[in-house]
Amino acid sequence: MLLYEMVEKMAITDSLTGLYVRRYFYERLSEELMRSKRHGFNLALLMIDIDDFKRCNDTYGHLVGDAVLKEMARIISENVREIDIVARYGGEEMSIVLPETAAEKAFVAAERLRKRIDENVFKAYDEKLNLTVSIGVAIYPQDGADIDSIIEKSDQALYAAKKSGKNLVRAYKKEYNS
């Protein structure tokens, strides 16, 4: 039984960060989206990207980069609710599903997280780094009715945050689509 539980956990969590893997994230997002549709709830999706992470890796090496990813995952996990779903989306990008969360509360949660990361000093081996994140926010049902559209809209909002100077939170707006 313990072996089964260990194998199951390994299948759904990223070995470096301990966050859910992308495949499992899609499963859980799908479940939460169906639940939101059934009960008329809002659902928020946050896409988070570490600003200038490539420069961090190039300057300090991948071991430092890995330590940063672990610390980032810890900070994010400690600053969300138990019902929220946190995943490593890919590379230095992470996603958070906020069930039963409307736009205003999602933006407040994203901004609180952005600020917490901005104030943190990342200690990796002999290095002390100050890093920031950009966050894109999309809300079901106003920004999209299915997984692909919600992910696309939160990604567009993330890109808008990056384009506006980084270390920002941006909620999806229709003009990002043009």
Protein backbone atom coordinates (compact mmCIF):
# COMPACT_ATOMS: atom_id res chain seq x y z
CA MET A 1 0.00 0.00 0.00
CA LEU A 2 2.81 2.46 0.87
CA LEU A 3 4.60 1.62 -2.37
CA TYR A 4 1.41 2.30 -4.36
CA GLU A 5 0.94 5.66 -2.62
CA MET A 6 4.57 6.58 -3.28
CA VAL A 7 4.31 5.69 -6.98
CA GLU A 8 1.03 7.57 -7.28
CA LYS A 9 2.56 10.67 -5.66
CA MET A 10 5.59 10.46 -7.98
CA ALA A 11 3.25 10.33 -10.99
CA ILE A 12 1.44 13.54 -10.11
CA THR A 13 4.17 15.69 -8.54
CA ASP A 14 7.23 17.37 -9.99
CA SER A 15 10.35 15.83 -8.43
CA LEU A 16 12.18 19.17 -8.15
CA THR A 17 9.50 21.49 -6.77
CA GLY A 18 7.02 19.08 -5.22
CA LEU A 19 4.22 20.87 -7.10
CA TYR A 20 1.71 19.04 -9.27
CA VAL A 21 2.84 18.19 -12.80
CA ARG A 22 1.16 19.74 -15.83
CA ARG A 23 -0.83 16.62 -16.76
CA TYR A 24 -2.36 16.38 -13.31
CA PHE A 25 -2.96 20.14 -13.31
CA TYR A 26 -5.09 19.73 -16.45
CA GLU A 27 -7.11 16.95 -14.79
CA ARG A 28 -7.77 19.01 -11.68
CA LEU A 29 -8.54 22.18 -13.68
CA SER A 30 -11.04 20.19 -15.73
CA GLU A 31 -12.72 18.86 -12.56
CA GLU A 32 -12.88 22.32 -10.98
CA LEU A 33 -14.20 23.87 -14.17
CA MET A 34 -17.01 21.28 -14.35
CA ARG A 35 -17.81 21.89 -10.68
CA SER A 36 -17.85 25.65 -11.26
CA LYS A 37 -20.22 25.24 -14.22
CA ARG A 38 -22.50 22.91 -12.25
CA HIS A 39 -22.78 25.23 -9.23
CA GLY A 40 -22.44 28.63 -10.90
CA PHE A 41 -19.10 29.42 -9.22
CA ASN A 42 -16.32 31.63 -10.50
CA LEU A 43 -12.89 30.10 -10.93
CA ALA A 44 -9.60 31.97 -11.31
CA LEU A 45 -6.46 30.82 -13.05
CA LEU A 46 -3.11 32.45 -12.31
CA MET A 47 -0.12 31.96 -14.61
CA ILE A 48 3.15 32.87 -12.91
CA ASP A 49 6.51 33.32 -14.59
CA ILE A 50 9.80 34.09 -12.85
CA ASP A 51 11.17 37.29 -14.39
CA ASP A 52 14.59 36.98 -16.06
CA PHE A 53 15.05 33.39 -14.91
CA LYS A 54 17.24 32.55 -17.90
CA ARG A 55 19.69 35.24 -16.80
CA CYS A 56 19.71 33.72 -13.30
CA ASN A 57 20.57 30.29 -14.75
CA ASP A 58 23.18 31.73 -17.11
CA THR A 59 24.83 33.80 -14.38
CA TYR A 60 24.73 31.43 -11.40
CA GLY A 61 24.25 28.01 -12.98
CA HIS A 62 21.48 25.45 -12.99
CA LEU A 63 22.03 24.28 -9.41
CA VAL A 64 21.21 27.79 -8.19
CA GLY A 65 18.29 27.89 -10.63
CA ASP A 66 16.96 24.63 -9.22
CA ALA A 67 17.27 25.98 -5.67
CA VAL A 68 15.35 29.09 -6.74
CA LEU A 69 12.57 26.96 -8.26
CA LYS A 70 12.26 24.94 -5.02
CA GLU A 71 12.10 28.10 -2.91
CA MET A 72 9.60 29.70 -5.28
CA ALA A 73 7.38 26.62 -5.06
CA ARG A 74 7.58 26.73 -1.26
CA ILE A 75 6.60 30.42 -1.12
CA ILE A 76 3.69 29.92 -3.50
CA SER A 77 2.44 26.84 -1.65
CA GLU A 78 2.59 28.60 1.71
CA ASN A 79 0.61 31.57 0.41
CA VAL A 80 -2.44 29.86 -1.07
CA ARG A 81 -5.48 28.17 0.43
CA GLU A 82 -5.66 24.41 0.92
CA ILE A 83 -8.29 24.13 -1.84
CA ASP A 84 -6.09 25.93 -4.40
CA ILE A 85 -4.22 23.82 -6.93
CA VAL A 86 -0.58 24.76 -7.55
CA ALA A 87 1.37 23.21 -10.43
CA ARG A 88 4.63 23.57 -12.26
CA TYR A 89 3.34 24.40 -15.71
CA GLY A 90 6.74 24.17 -17.37
CA GLY A 91 10.27 25.48 -16.87
CA GLU A 92 9.98 28.47 -14.56
CA GLU A 93 6.25 28.88 -15.13
CA MET A 94 3.74 27.87 -12.46
CA SER A 95 -0.05 27.88 -12.37
CA ILE A 96 -2.59 28.22 -9.61
CA VAL A 97 -6.27 27.30 -9.84
CA LEU A 98 -8.35 29.30 -7.36
CA PRO A 99 -11.76 27.58 -7.06
CA GLU A 100 -14.76 29.71 -6.14
CA THR A 101 -12.81 32.93 -6.65
CA ALA A 102 -14.07 36.00 -8.49
CA ALA A 103 -11.88 38.57 -10.29
CA GLU A 104 -11.32 41.02 -7.43
CA LYS A 105 -10.26 38.38 -4.90
CA ALA A 106 -8.07 36.64 -7.49
CA PHE A 107 -6.26 39.89 -8.25
CA VAL A 108 -5.74 40.55 -4.53
CA ALA A 109 -4.36 37.03 -4.03
CA ALA A 110 -2.04 37.38 -7.05
CA GLU A 111 -0.80 40.78 -5.91
CA ARG A 112 -0.17 39.49 -2.38
CA LEU A 113 1.85 36.60 -3.82
CA ARG A 114 3.80 38.88 -6.18
CA LYS A 115 4.69 41.18 -3.30
CA ARG A 116 5.72 38.28 -1.04
CA ILE A 117 8.11 36.99 -3.71
CA ASP A 118 9.47 40.48 -4.40
CA GLU A 119 10.29 40.92 -0.69
CA ASN A 120 11.98 37.51 -0.38
CA VAL A 121 15.74 37.05 -0.53
CA PHE A 122 16.45 33.75 -2.27
CA LYS A 123 19.40 31.95 -0.73
CA ALA A 124 20.96 29.40 -3.03
CA TYR A 125 24.34 27.99 -2.07
CA ASP A 126 26.55 31.08 -1.66
CA GLU A 127 24.23 33.36 -3.61
CA LYS A 128 21.57 35.76 -2.36
CA LEU A 129 19.15 36.80 -5.05
CA ASN A 130 16.22 39.14 -5.35
CA LEU A 131 13.74 37.86 -7.89
CA THR A 132 10.34 38.93 -9.12
CA VAL A 133 7.44 37.30 -10.90
CA SER A 134 4.87 38.41 -13.41
CA ILE A 135 1.36 37.02 -13.02
CA GLY A 136 -1.54 36.77 -15.46
CA VAL A 137 -5.09 36.28 -14.19
CA ALA A 138 -8.14 34.92 -16.05
CA ILE A 139 -11.58 34.20 -14.64
CA TYR A 140 -14.23 31.65 -15.55
CA PRO A 141 -16.81 32.34 -16.93
CA GLN A 142 -16.14 35.95 -17.99
CA ASP A 143 -12.82 35.26 -19.76
CA GLY A 144 -13.57 31.81 -21.14
CA ALA A 145 -15.80 28.78 -20.76
CA ASP A 146 -13.31 25.96 -21.29
CA ILE A 147 -9.81 24.91 -20.25
CA ASP A 148 -8.07 26.07 -23.40
CA SER A 149 -9.62 29.54 -23.38
CA ILE A 150 -8.94 30.11 -19.66
CA ILE A 151 -5.32 29.03 -20.05
CA GLU A 152 -4.92 31.15 -23.19
CA LYS A 153 -6.39 34.23 -21.51
CA SER A 154 -4.26 33.90 -18.38
CA ASP A 155 -1.22 33.45 -20.61
CA GLN A 156 -2.12 36.61 -22.57
CA ALA A 157 -2.46 38.50 -19.30
CA LEU A 158 0.94 37.15 -18.18
CA TYR A 159 2.48 38.32 -21.46
CA ALA A 160 0.91 41.78 -20.91
CA ALA A 161 2.48 41.92 -17.42
CA LYS A 162 5.89 41.04 -18.90
CA LYS A 163 5.47 43.59 -21.70
CA SER A 164 4.46 46.31 -19.19
CA GLY A 165 7.73 46.04 -17.26
CA LYS A 166 7.58 42.77 -15.28
CA ASN A 167 7.00 42.29 -11.54
CA LEU A 168 3.32 43.00 -12.21
CA VAL A 169 -0.08 41.34 -12.02
CA ARG A 170 -2.38 41.77 -15.00
CA ALA A 171 -5.95 40.57 -15.34
CA TYR A 172 -7.05 39.51 -18.80
CA LYS A 173 -8.59 42.24 -20.94
CA LYS A 174 -10.15 41.77 -24.36
CA GLU A 175 -7.64 44.15 -25.98
CA TYR A 176 -4.86 41.63 -25.23
CA ASN A 177 -6.53 39.44 -27.82
CA SER A 178 -6.18 41.96 -30.66
